[in-house]
Amino acid sequence: MFELFKQDVRRWIVPSQINDDAPVSLGLIVKLLFRHMPLRAMAWFRFGCWCKQQRIPYFPGFAQRQIYSRYGLEILVGADIGGGLYVAHPVGVVISPERIGRNCSIIAAVTIGMRNTWDFPDIGDNVFIGAGARVLGEIKIGDGAVIGANAVVISDVPSGATAVGVPARITRIKGVPVEPISA
C-alpha cells in the first residue's frame, strides 16, 4: 500500500519545484497532500485498500464513503489499481475497473465501468484517459493508449493507439495516423 501510494505521490511532483530524483520523504508527502486535493483522495483509497487486505472491518467502507463525500470520486476500495494513479479532477469521476495498470492518468468527468453486463474494463500501463471519456464493458485498453476527451470506448484499444469520438475510433497507432478503425 505504501509503495503504491509513493508512486501516486511521484505523479504530483513538478520537476521545476522539486528535484525529480529526490526520495519521496514524509515531508514531501505532507507538502503535496496539503497542496493537492486529488492526492488526498488517493491517500484515502490506498488506506481503504490496505484495510481491506488486512481484513480490518468497517474501515474500507468508511474510506470509500470519505472518498465520495469529500472528493466526489466513486472508486471501488480494493480495486486492482497499480501505483502512479493520477486523477486530476476527481469530482464526477467513476472508476470501477477489472484492473488498471501503473501510471494511469484520468483527467475529469471520466466513467470507467460496466456496460450491459457485470463486466469491466482492463486498462494497461501508462494509459491517458481524457476529460469526459467513457470506457465501458469487458474491453482491453493496451499499454500506452490515449483515450481522447469525450470518447465513448466500447471495444478494445491496442497498445500505443489513440481512440477518439463517439463511438471511439482508432486514429493513430504509436503516433502514426491510420484510417479510422472502430474501437
N, C-alpha and C. Protein backbone atom coordinates (compact mmCIF):
# COMPACT_ATOMS: atom_id res chain seq x y z
N MET A 1 0.83 -1.19 0.00
CA MET A 1 0.00 0.00 0.00
C MET A 1 0.87 1.25 0.00
N PHE A 2 1.90 1.26 0.86
CA PHE A 2 2.72 2.46 0.97
C PHE A 2 3.55 2.68 -0.29
N GLU A 3 4.03 1.59 -0.89
CA GLU A 3 4.80 1.73 -2.12
C GLU A 3 3.92 2.23 -3.26
N LEU A 4 2.69 1.73 -3.35
CA LEU A 4 1.77 2.21 -4.39
C LEU A 4 1.46 3.68 -4.18
N PHE A 5 1.25 4.09 -2.92
CA PHE A 5 0.96 5.50 -2.65
C PHE A 5 2.17 6.38 -2.98
N LYS A 6 3.37 5.90 -2.73
CA LYS A 6 4.56 6.68 -3.10
C LYS A 6 4.61 6.88 -4.61
N GLN A 7 4.20 5.86 -5.36
CA GLN A 7 4.15 6.00 -6.82
C GLN A 7 3.08 7.02 -7.21
N ASP A 8 1.94 7.03 -6.50
CA ASP A 8 0.92 8.05 -6.75
C ASP A 8 1.49 9.44 -6.49
N VAL A 9 2.21 9.59 -5.37
CA VAL A 9 2.79 10.88 -4.99
C VAL A 9 3.76 11.36 -6.07
N ARG A 10 4.58 10.47 -6.60
CA ARG A 10 5.55 10.85 -7.64
C ARG A 10 4.88 11.53 -8.83
N ARG A 11 3.66 11.13 -9.14
CA ARG A 11 2.95 11.73 -10.29
C ARG A 11 2.61 13.20 -10.04
N TRP A 12 2.60 13.64 -8.79
CA TRP A 12 2.26 15.03 -8.45
C TRP A 12 3.48 15.92 -8.31
N ILE A 13 4.67 15.35 -8.42
CA ILE A 13 5.89 16.14 -8.30
C ILE A 13 6.08 16.95 -9.58
N VAL A 14 6.25 18.26 -9.42
CA VAL A 14 6.53 19.15 -10.54
C VAL A 14 8.05 19.34 -10.57
N PRO A 15 8.72 18.86 -11.63
CA PRO A 15 10.18 18.90 -11.64
C PRO A 15 10.78 20.27 -11.37
N SER A 16 10.12 21.34 -11.80
CA SER A 16 10.67 22.68 -11.56
C SER A 16 10.60 23.08 -10.09
N GLN A 17 9.74 22.42 -9.31
CA GLN A 17 9.59 22.77 -7.90
C GLN A 17 10.37 21.84 -6.99
N ILE A 18 10.50 20.60 -7.37
CA ILE A 18 11.15 19.59 -6.53
C ILE A 18 12.06 18.76 -7.41
N ASN A 19 13.26 18.47 -6.94
CA ASN A 19 14.18 17.63 -7.69
C ASN A 19 13.52 16.28 -7.96
N ASP A 20 13.37 15.92 -9.22
CA ASP A 20 12.66 14.70 -9.61
C ASP A 20 13.32 13.44 -9.05
N ASP A 21 14.62 13.50 -8.80
CA ASP A 21 15.32 12.33 -8.27
C ASP A 21 15.28 12.26 -6.75
N ALA A 22 14.72 13.28 -6.12
CA ALA A 22 14.66 13.30 -4.66
C ALA A 22 13.80 12.15 -4.16
N PRO A 23 14.20 11.53 -3.04
CA PRO A 23 13.37 10.46 -2.49
C PRO A 23 12.04 11.02 -2.00
N VAL A 24 11.04 10.18 -2.03
CA VAL A 24 9.72 10.59 -1.55
C VAL A 24 9.76 10.50 -0.02
N SER A 25 9.96 11.65 0.59
CA SER A 25 10.07 11.72 2.05
C SER A 25 8.71 12.02 2.67
N LEU A 26 8.62 11.84 3.96
CA LEU A 26 7.38 12.17 4.67
C LEU A 26 7.06 13.65 4.52
N GLY A 27 8.07 14.50 4.60
CA GLY A 27 7.86 15.94 4.44
C GLY A 27 7.30 16.28 3.07
N LEU A 28 7.83 15.64 2.03
CA LEU A 28 7.33 15.87 0.67
C LEU A 28 5.89 15.39 0.54
N ILE A 29 5.59 14.24 1.11
CA ILE A 29 4.23 13.71 1.05
C ILE A 29 3.26 14.68 1.72
N VAL A 30 3.61 15.17 2.90
CA VAL A 30 2.74 16.11 3.62
C VAL A 30 2.54 17.38 2.80
N LYS A 31 3.62 17.90 2.21
CA LYS A 31 3.54 19.11 1.39
C LYS A 31 2.59 18.91 0.20
N LEU A 32 2.75 17.79 -0.49
CA LEU A 32 1.91 17.52 -1.66
C LEU A 32 0.46 17.23 -1.26
N LEU A 33 0.25 16.54 -0.13
CA LEU A 33 -1.12 16.30 0.35
C LEU A 33 -1.81 17.62 0.67
N PHE A 34 -1.07 18.55 1.24
CA PHE A 34 -1.63 19.86 1.57
C PHE A 34 -2.01 20.62 0.30
N ARG A 35 -1.19 20.53 -0.73
CA ARG A 35 -1.41 21.27 -1.98
C ARG A 35 -2.48 20.67 -2.88
N HIS A 36 -2.58 19.35 -2.92
CA HIS A 36 -3.37 18.69 -3.97
C HIS A 36 -4.50 17.83 -3.39
N MET A 37 -5.71 18.34 -3.50
CA MET A 37 -6.89 17.62 -3.01
C MET A 37 -7.04 16.24 -3.65
N PRO A 38 -6.81 16.06 -4.96
CA PRO A 38 -6.95 14.72 -5.53
C PRO A 38 -5.97 13.71 -4.93
N LEU A 39 -4.81 14.16 -4.52
CA LEU A 39 -3.85 13.25 -3.90
C LEU A 39 -4.37 12.79 -2.54
N ARG A 40 -5.09 13.65 -1.84
CA ARG A 40 -5.70 13.24 -0.57
C ARG A 40 -6.73 12.13 -0.82
N ALA A 41 -7.47 12.23 -1.93
CA ALA A 41 -8.42 11.16 -2.28
C ALA A 41 -7.68 9.84 -2.52
N MET A 42 -6.51 9.92 -3.18
CA MET A 42 -5.72 8.70 -3.42
C MET A 42 -5.20 8.13 -2.10
N ALA A 43 -4.86 9.00 -1.15
CA ALA A 43 -4.40 8.51 0.16
C ALA A 43 -5.51 7.73 0.84
N TRP A 44 -6.74 8.24 0.81
CA TRP A 44 -7.88 7.51 1.38
C TRP A 44 -8.09 6.19 0.66
N PHE A 45 -7.98 6.21 -0.67
CA PHE A 45 -8.16 4.99 -1.46
C PHE A 45 -7.13 3.93 -1.07
N ARG A 46 -5.87 4.31 -1.03
CA ARG A 46 -4.82 3.34 -0.69
C ARG A 46 -4.98 2.85 0.75
N PHE A 47 -5.40 3.73 1.65
CA PHE A 47 -5.64 3.33 3.04
C PHE A 47 -6.79 2.32 3.09
N GLY A 48 -7.88 2.58 2.37
CA GLY A 48 -9.01 1.65 2.33
C GLY A 48 -8.61 0.30 1.76
N CYS A 49 -7.78 0.30 0.70
CA CYS A 49 -7.30 -0.95 0.11
C CYS A 49 -6.46 -1.73 1.11
N TRP A 50 -5.60 -1.02 1.83
CA TRP A 50 -4.75 -1.67 2.83
C TRP A 50 -5.61 -2.30 3.92
N CYS A 51 -6.61 -1.56 4.39
CA CYS A 51 -7.51 -2.10 5.43
C CYS A 51 -8.24 -3.34 4.92
N LYS A 52 -8.65 -3.31 3.65
CA LYS A 52 -9.35 -4.47 3.08
C LYS A 52 -8.41 -5.67 3.00
N GLN A 53 -7.17 -5.45 2.58
CA GLN A 53 -6.19 -6.54 2.51
C GLN A 53 -5.90 -7.13 3.89
N GLN A 54 -5.88 -6.26 4.90
CA GLN A 54 -5.60 -6.70 6.26
C GLN A 54 -6.85 -7.26 6.96
N ARG A 55 -7.97 -7.21 6.25
CA ARG A 55 -9.27 -7.67 6.78
C ARG A 55 -9.67 -6.93 8.05
N ILE A 56 -9.43 -5.63 8.03
CA ILE A 56 -9.84 -4.77 9.14
C ILE A 56 -11.29 -4.36 8.85
N PRO A 57 -12.22 -4.72 9.71
CA PRO A 57 -13.63 -4.43 9.43
C PRO A 57 -13.94 -2.94 9.51
N TYR A 58 -14.95 -2.54 8.77
CA TYR A 58 -15.55 -1.21 8.77
C TYR A 58 -14.70 -0.13 8.08
N PHE A 59 -13.38 -0.19 8.18
CA PHE A 59 -12.56 0.89 7.64
C PHE A 59 -12.58 0.99 6.11
N PRO A 60 -12.63 -0.13 5.35
CA PRO A 60 -12.73 0.03 3.90
C PRO A 60 -13.99 0.80 3.49
N GLY A 61 -15.11 0.47 4.09
CA GLY A 61 -16.36 1.18 3.79
C GLY A 61 -16.30 2.63 4.22
N PHE A 62 -15.69 2.88 5.38
CA PHE A 62 -15.52 4.25 5.87
C PHE A 62 -14.66 5.05 4.89
N ALA A 63 -13.56 4.46 4.44
CA ALA A 63 -12.68 5.14 3.49
C ALA A 63 -13.42 5.44 2.19
N GLN A 64 -14.20 4.47 1.71
CA GLN A 64 -14.94 4.68 0.46
C GLN A 64 -15.94 5.82 0.61
N ARG A 65 -16.63 5.89 1.74
CA ARG A 65 -17.57 6.99 1.97
C ARG A 65 -16.85 8.34 2.05
N GLN A 66 -15.67 8.36 2.65
CA GLN A 66 -14.89 9.60 2.73
C GLN A 66 -14.47 10.07 1.34
N ILE A 67 -14.03 9.14 0.52
CA ILE A 67 -13.59 9.49 -0.84
C ILE A 67 -14.75 10.11 -1.61
N TYR A 68 -15.93 9.51 -1.50
CA TYR A 68 -17.08 10.01 -2.25
C TYR A 68 -17.59 11.33 -1.68
N SER A 69 -17.77 11.40 -0.36
CA SER A 69 -18.37 12.61 0.22
C SER A 69 -17.41 13.80 0.21
N ARG A 70 -16.14 13.58 0.41
CA ARG A 70 -15.18 14.69 0.45
C ARG A 70 -14.68 15.11 -0.93
N TYR A 71 -14.53 14.14 -1.84
CA TYR A 71 -13.86 14.42 -3.10
C TYR A 71 -14.71 14.16 -4.34
N GLY A 72 -15.91 13.60 -4.17
CA GLY A 72 -16.80 13.36 -5.30
C GLY A 72 -16.32 12.27 -6.24
N LEU A 73 -15.43 11.43 -5.77
CA LEU A 73 -14.84 10.36 -6.58
C LEU A 73 -15.46 9.03 -6.19
N GLU A 74 -16.00 8.32 -7.18
CA GLU A 74 -16.51 6.97 -6.94
C GLU A 74 -15.44 6.00 -7.41
N ILE A 75 -14.80 5.35 -6.45
CA ILE A 75 -13.76 4.38 -6.75
C ILE A 75 -13.94 3.22 -5.79
N LEU A 76 -13.87 2.02 -6.31
CA LEU A 76 -14.10 0.83 -5.51
C LEU A 76 -12.86 0.52 -4.68
N VAL A 77 -12.96 0.69 -3.37
CA VAL A 77 -11.85 0.36 -2.48
C VAL A 77 -11.57 -1.13 -2.63
N GLY A 78 -10.34 -1.47 -2.89
CA GLY A 78 -9.95 -2.86 -3.12
C GLY A 78 -9.78 -3.18 -4.59
N ALA A 79 -10.09 -2.23 -5.48
CA ALA A 79 -9.91 -2.45 -6.91
C ALA A 79 -8.43 -2.67 -7.22
N ASP A 80 -8.14 -3.47 -8.23
CA ASP A 80 -6.78 -3.78 -8.64
C ASP A 80 -6.24 -2.63 -9.48
N ILE A 81 -5.60 -1.66 -8.82
CA ILE A 81 -5.10 -0.46 -9.49
C ILE A 81 -3.63 -0.29 -9.14
N GLY A 82 -2.79 -0.24 -10.16
CA GLY A 82 -1.35 -0.10 -9.95
C GLY A 82 -0.97 1.27 -9.42
N GLY A 83 0.28 1.39 -9.02
CA GLY A 83 0.79 2.65 -8.50
C GLY A 83 0.87 3.72 -9.57
N GLY A 84 0.92 4.96 -9.12
CA GLY A 84 1.03 6.08 -10.05
C GLY A 84 -0.29 6.52 -10.63
N LEU A 85 -1.40 6.17 -9.98
CA LEU A 85 -2.71 6.64 -10.46
C LEU A 85 -2.80 8.15 -10.27
N TYR A 86 -3.14 8.86 -11.34
CA TYR A 86 -3.25 10.32 -11.32
C TYR A 86 -4.66 10.68 -11.75
N VAL A 87 -5.45 11.20 -10.83
CA VAL A 87 -6.80 11.68 -11.14
C VAL A 87 -6.76 13.19 -10.95
N ALA A 88 -6.72 13.94 -12.04
CA ALA A 88 -6.52 15.38 -11.97
C ALA A 88 -7.66 16.10 -11.28
N HIS A 89 -8.89 15.76 -11.62
CA HIS A 89 -10.07 16.42 -11.07
C HIS A 89 -11.07 15.34 -10.69
N PRO A 90 -11.09 14.90 -9.43
CA PRO A 90 -11.86 13.71 -9.06
C PRO A 90 -13.38 13.88 -9.02
N VAL A 91 -13.89 15.09 -8.91
CA VAL A 91 -15.34 15.26 -8.79
C VAL A 91 -16.03 14.74 -10.05
N GLY A 92 -16.96 13.81 -9.88
CA GLY A 92 -17.70 13.27 -11.01
C GLY A 92 -17.01 12.13 -11.74
N VAL A 93 -15.89 11.66 -11.22
CA VAL A 93 -15.18 10.55 -11.84
C VAL A 93 -15.65 9.24 -11.21
N VAL A 94 -15.90 8.23 -12.05
CA VAL A 94 -16.29 6.90 -11.59
C VAL A 94 -15.23 5.93 -12.09
N ILE A 95 -14.60 5.20 -11.15
CA ILE A 95 -13.56 4.25 -11.50
C ILE A 95 -13.95 2.89 -10.95
N SER A 96 -14.40 2.01 -11.86
CA SER A 96 -14.82 0.67 -11.47
C SER A 96 -14.27 -0.32 -12.51
N PRO A 97 -12.96 -0.56 -12.47
CA PRO A 97 -12.34 -1.41 -13.49
C PRO A 97 -12.19 -2.86 -13.05
N GLU A 98 -11.90 -3.71 -14.01
CA GLU A 98 -11.40 -5.05 -13.69
C GLU A 98 -9.99 -4.91 -13.14
N ARG A 99 -9.20 -4.06 -13.84
CA ARG A 99 -7.82 -3.79 -13.45
C ARG A 99 -7.35 -2.52 -14.14
N ILE A 100 -6.49 -1.76 -13.46
CA ILE A 100 -5.80 -0.62 -14.07
C ILE A 100 -4.32 -0.79 -13.76
N GLY A 101 -3.50 -0.65 -14.78
CA GLY A 101 -2.05 -0.80 -14.61
C GLY A 101 -1.41 0.42 -13.96
N ARG A 102 -0.10 0.49 -14.07
CA ARG A 102 0.67 1.57 -13.46
C ARG A 102 0.57 2.86 -14.28
N ASN A 103 0.68 3.98 -13.58
CA ASN A 103 0.79 5.31 -14.19
C ASN A 103 -0.35 5.65 -15.13
N CYS A 104 -1.55 5.41 -14.70
CA CYS A 104 -2.74 5.78 -15.47
C CYS A 104 -3.12 7.22 -15.12
N SER A 105 -3.41 8.02 -16.14
CA SER A 105 -3.85 9.41 -15.94
C SER A 105 -5.31 9.53 -16.32
N ILE A 106 -6.11 10.05 -15.40
CA ILE A 106 -7.54 10.25 -15.62
C ILE A 106 -7.81 11.73 -15.37
N ILE A 107 -8.41 12.42 -16.33
CA ILE A 107 -8.49 13.87 -16.22
C ILE A 107 -9.74 14.34 -15.46
N ALA A 108 -10.92 14.34 -16.03
CA ALA A 108 -12.11 14.85 -15.33
C ALA A 108 -13.36 14.23 -15.92
N ALA A 109 -14.38 14.02 -15.08
CA ALA A 109 -15.70 13.55 -15.52
C ALA A 109 -15.61 12.26 -16.34
N VAL A 110 -14.72 11.37 -15.97
CA VAL A 110 -14.50 10.11 -16.67
C VAL A 110 -15.31 9.01 -15.99
N THR A 111 -15.85 8.09 -16.80
CA THR A 111 -16.50 6.90 -16.26
C THR A 111 -15.79 5.67 -16.80
N ILE A 112 -15.36 4.82 -15.88
CA ILE A 112 -14.76 3.53 -16.22
C ILE A 112 -15.62 2.50 -15.51
N GLY A 113 -16.33 1.67 -16.29
CA GLY A 113 -17.21 0.71 -15.63
C GLY A 113 -17.90 -0.22 -16.59
N MET A 114 -19.00 -0.79 -16.11
CA MET A 114 -19.74 -1.80 -16.87
C MET A 114 -20.59 -1.16 -17.96
N ARG A 115 -20.99 -2.00 -18.90
CA ARG A 115 -21.87 -1.55 -19.98
C ARG A 115 -23.24 -2.18 -19.79
N ASN A 116 -23.48 -3.36 -20.34
CA ASN A 116 -24.78 -4.03 -20.22
C ASN A 116 -24.75 -5.20 -19.26
N THR A 117 -23.56 -5.70 -18.99
CA THR A 117 -23.39 -6.85 -18.10
C THR A 117 -22.37 -6.49 -17.02
N TRP A 118 -22.22 -7.35 -16.04
CA TRP A 118 -21.29 -7.11 -14.94
C TRP A 118 -19.86 -7.43 -15.37
N ASP A 119 -19.42 -6.81 -16.45
CA ASP A 119 -18.06 -6.98 -16.95
C ASP A 119 -17.42 -5.60 -17.04
N PHE A 120 -16.14 -5.53 -16.69
CA PHE A 120 -15.49 -4.24 -16.53
C PHE A 120 -14.21 -4.16 -17.35
N PRO A 121 -13.75 -2.94 -17.67
CA PRO A 121 -12.55 -2.76 -18.49
C PRO A 121 -11.26 -3.19 -17.79
N ASP A 122 -10.32 -3.66 -18.60
CA ASP A 122 -8.97 -3.98 -18.17
C ASP A 122 -8.07 -2.94 -18.85
N ILE A 123 -7.45 -2.09 -18.06
CA ILE A 123 -6.68 -0.96 -18.58
C ILE A 123 -5.20 -1.19 -18.29
N GLY A 124 -4.36 -1.05 -19.31
CA GLY A 124 -2.93 -1.32 -19.18
C GLY A 124 -2.16 -0.21 -18.49
N ASP A 125 -0.83 -0.29 -18.60
CA ASP A 125 0.07 0.69 -18.01
C ASP A 125 0.17 1.94 -18.88
N ASN A 126 0.44 3.08 -18.23
CA ASN A 126 0.73 4.35 -18.92
C ASN A 126 -0.39 4.78 -19.88
N VAL A 127 -1.62 4.60 -19.46
CA VAL A 127 -2.78 4.98 -20.27
C VAL A 127 -3.24 6.37 -19.86
N PHE A 128 -3.61 7.18 -20.85
CA PHE A 128 -4.16 8.52 -20.62
C PHE A 128 -5.63 8.51 -21.01
N ILE A 129 -6.51 8.95 -20.11
CA ILE A 129 -7.95 9.00 -20.39
C ILE A 129 -8.39 10.44 -20.25
N GLY A 130 -8.80 11.05 -21.36
CA GLY A 130 -9.16 12.47 -21.40
C GLY A 130 -10.48 12.79 -20.74
N ALA A 131 -10.71 14.07 -20.54
CA ALA A 131 -11.89 14.57 -19.86
C ALA A 131 -13.18 14.09 -20.53
N GLY A 132 -14.11 13.63 -19.71
CA GLY A 132 -15.43 13.23 -20.20
C GLY A 132 -15.49 11.89 -20.90
N ALA A 133 -14.39 11.17 -20.97
CA ALA A 133 -14.38 9.89 -21.67
C ALA A 133 -15.17 8.84 -20.90
N ARG A 134 -15.69 7.87 -21.64
CA ARG A 134 -16.40 6.72 -21.07
C ARG A 134 -15.72 5.47 -21.59
N VAL A 135 -15.28 4.62 -20.68
CA VAL A 135 -14.63 3.35 -21.03
C VAL A 135 -15.50 2.27 -20.42
N LEU A 136 -16.23 1.54 -21.27
CA LEU A 136 -17.33 0.71 -20.78
C LEU A 136 -17.26 -0.73 -21.24
N GLY A 137 -17.55 -1.64 -20.33
CA GLY A 137 -17.72 -3.05 -20.66
C GLY A 137 -16.44 -3.86 -20.55
N GLU A 138 -16.54 -5.11 -20.98
CA GLU A 138 -15.42 -6.04 -20.91
C GLU A 138 -14.51 -5.81 -22.11
N ILE A 139 -13.66 -4.79 -21.98
CA ILE A 139 -12.75 -4.43 -23.06
C ILE A 139 -11.34 -4.32 -22.51
N LYS A 140 -10.37 -4.32 -23.40
CA LYS A 140 -8.96 -4.20 -23.03
C LYS A 140 -8.41 -2.93 -23.65
N ILE A 141 -7.81 -2.09 -22.80
CA ILE A 141 -7.12 -0.89 -23.26
C ILE A 141 -5.63 -1.19 -23.09
N GLY A 142 -4.90 -1.22 -24.20
CA GLY A 142 -3.49 -1.61 -24.18
C GLY A 142 -2.58 -0.58 -23.54
N ASP A 143 -1.36 -1.00 -23.24
CA ASP A 143 -0.37 -0.12 -22.64
C ASP A 143 -0.11 1.09 -23.53
N GLY A 144 0.02 2.26 -22.90
CA GLY A 144 0.36 3.47 -23.63
C GLY A 144 -0.74 4.03 -24.51
N ALA A 145 -1.96 3.54 -24.37
CA ALA A 145 -3.07 4.04 -25.18
C ALA A 145 -3.49 5.43 -24.71
N VAL A 146 -4.08 6.19 -25.62
CA VAL A 146 -4.63 7.51 -25.32
C VAL A 146 -6.10 7.50 -25.70
N ILE A 147 -6.95 7.82 -24.72
CA ILE A 147 -8.39 7.93 -24.97
C ILE A 147 -8.71 9.42 -24.98
N GLY A 148 -9.21 9.92 -26.09
CA GLY A 148 -9.48 11.34 -26.24
C GLY A 148 -10.65 11.82 -25.40
N ALA A 149 -10.72 13.13 -25.24
CA ALA A 149 -11.79 13.76 -24.47
C ALA A 149 -13.15 13.39 -25.06
N ASN A 150 -14.08 13.04 -24.20
CA ASN A 150 -15.47 12.70 -24.54
C ASN A 150 -15.62 11.48 -25.44
N ALA A 151 -14.58 10.68 -25.58
CA ALA A 151 -14.68 9.44 -26.36
C ALA A 151 -15.53 8.43 -25.59
N VAL A 152 -16.26 7.60 -26.32
CA VAL A 152 -17.01 6.50 -25.72
C VAL A 152 -16.41 5.21 -26.26
N VAL A 153 -15.64 4.54 -25.42
CA VAL A 153 -14.89 3.36 -25.83
C VAL A 153 -15.66 2.11 -25.41
N ILE A 154 -16.09 1.32 -26.40
CA ILE A 154 -16.87 0.11 -26.11
C ILE A 154 -16.25 -1.14 -26.74
N SER A 155 -15.04 -0.99 -27.30
CA SER A 155 -14.31 -2.15 -27.81
C SER A 155 -12.82 -1.94 -27.56
N ASP A 156 -12.04 -2.99 -27.76
CA ASP A 156 -10.62 -2.97 -27.41
C ASP A 156 -9.85 -1.85 -28.12
N VAL A 157 -8.84 -1.33 -27.41
CA VAL A 157 -7.92 -0.35 -27.97
C VAL A 157 -6.52 -0.95 -27.84
N PRO A 158 -5.80 -1.12 -28.96
CA PRO A 158 -4.48 -1.75 -28.88
C PRO A 158 -3.44 -0.86 -28.19
N SER A 159 -2.34 -1.46 -27.80
CA SER A 159 -1.25 -0.71 -27.16
C SER A 159 -0.77 0.41 -28.07
N GLY A 160 -0.53 1.57 -27.48
CA GLY A 160 0.01 2.71 -28.22
C GLY A 160 -0.97 3.41 -29.13
N ALA A 161 -2.24 3.02 -29.11
CA ALA A 161 -3.23 3.61 -30.02
C ALA A 161 -3.90 4.83 -29.39
N THR A 162 -4.45 5.68 -30.25
CA THR A 162 -5.25 6.83 -29.83
C THR A 162 -6.67 6.58 -30.30
N ALA A 163 -7.63 6.68 -29.38
CA ALA A 163 -9.04 6.47 -29.71
C ALA A 163 -9.81 7.75 -29.40
N VAL A 164 -10.60 8.22 -30.37
CA VAL A 164 -11.39 9.44 -30.20
C VAL A 164 -12.78 9.23 -30.80
N GLY A 165 -13.74 10.04 -30.34
CA GLY A 165 -15.07 10.06 -30.94
C GLY A 165 -16.09 9.23 -30.21
N VAL A 166 -17.33 9.29 -30.78
CA VAL A 166 -18.47 8.56 -30.22
C VAL A 166 -19.13 7.82 -31.37
N PRO A 167 -19.09 6.50 -31.43
CA PRO A 167 -18.24 5.65 -30.61
C PRO A 167 -16.78 5.86 -30.99
N ALA A 168 -15.88 5.52 -30.09
CA ALA A 168 -14.45 5.78 -30.31
C ALA A 168 -13.92 5.00 -31.50
N ARG A 169 -13.03 5.66 -32.23
CA ARG A 169 -12.35 5.05 -33.36
C ARG A 169 -10.85 5.25 -33.17
N ILE A 170 -10.08 4.27 -33.61
CA ILE A 170 -8.62 4.36 -33.53
C ILE A 170 -8.16 5.28 -34.66
N THR A 171 -7.44 6.36 -34.32
CA THR A 171 -6.95 7.29 -35.33
C THR A 171 -5.44 7.25 -35.49
N ARG A 172 -4.75 6.76 -34.47
CA ARG A 172 -3.29 6.65 -34.51
C ARG A 172 -2.87 5.38 -33.78
N ILE A 173 -1.80 4.80 -34.26
CA ILE A 173 -1.18 3.69 -33.53
C ILE A 173 0.30 4.01 -33.44
N LYS A 174 0.77 4.15 -32.22
CA LYS A 174 2.16 4.52 -31.92
C LYS A 174 2.55 5.79 -32.67
N GLY A 175 1.63 6.77 -32.69
CA GLY A 175 1.91 8.08 -33.27
C GLY A 175 1.73 8.18 -34.77
N VAL A 176 1.47 7.08 -35.44
CA VAL A 176 1.32 7.08 -36.89
C VAL A 176 -0.17 7.12 -37.23
N PRO A 177 -0.61 8.14 -38.01
CA PRO A 177 -2.02 8.20 -38.38
C PRO A 177 -2.45 6.97 -39.18
N VAL A 178 -3.67 6.52 -38.91
CA VAL A 178 -4.23 5.38 -39.64
C VAL A 178 -5.64 5.75 -40.06
N GLU A 179 -6.17 5.01 -41.02
CA GLU A 179 -7.58 5.18 -41.35
C GLU A 179 -8.39 4.84 -40.11
N PRO A 180 -9.39 5.63 -39.75
CA PRO A 180 -10.14 5.35 -38.51
C PRO A 180 -10.67 3.92 -38.46
N ILE A 181 -10.39 3.26 -37.35
CA ILE A 181 -10.83 1.89 -37.09
C ILE A 181 -11.74 1.96 -35.88
N SER A 182 -12.90 1.31 -35.94
CA SER A 182 -13.79 1.32 -34.78
C SER A 182 -13.10 0.73 -33.56
N ALA A 183 -13.29 1.41 -32.42
CA ALA A 183 -12.69 0.90 -31.17
C ALA A 183 -13.77 0.48 -30.23
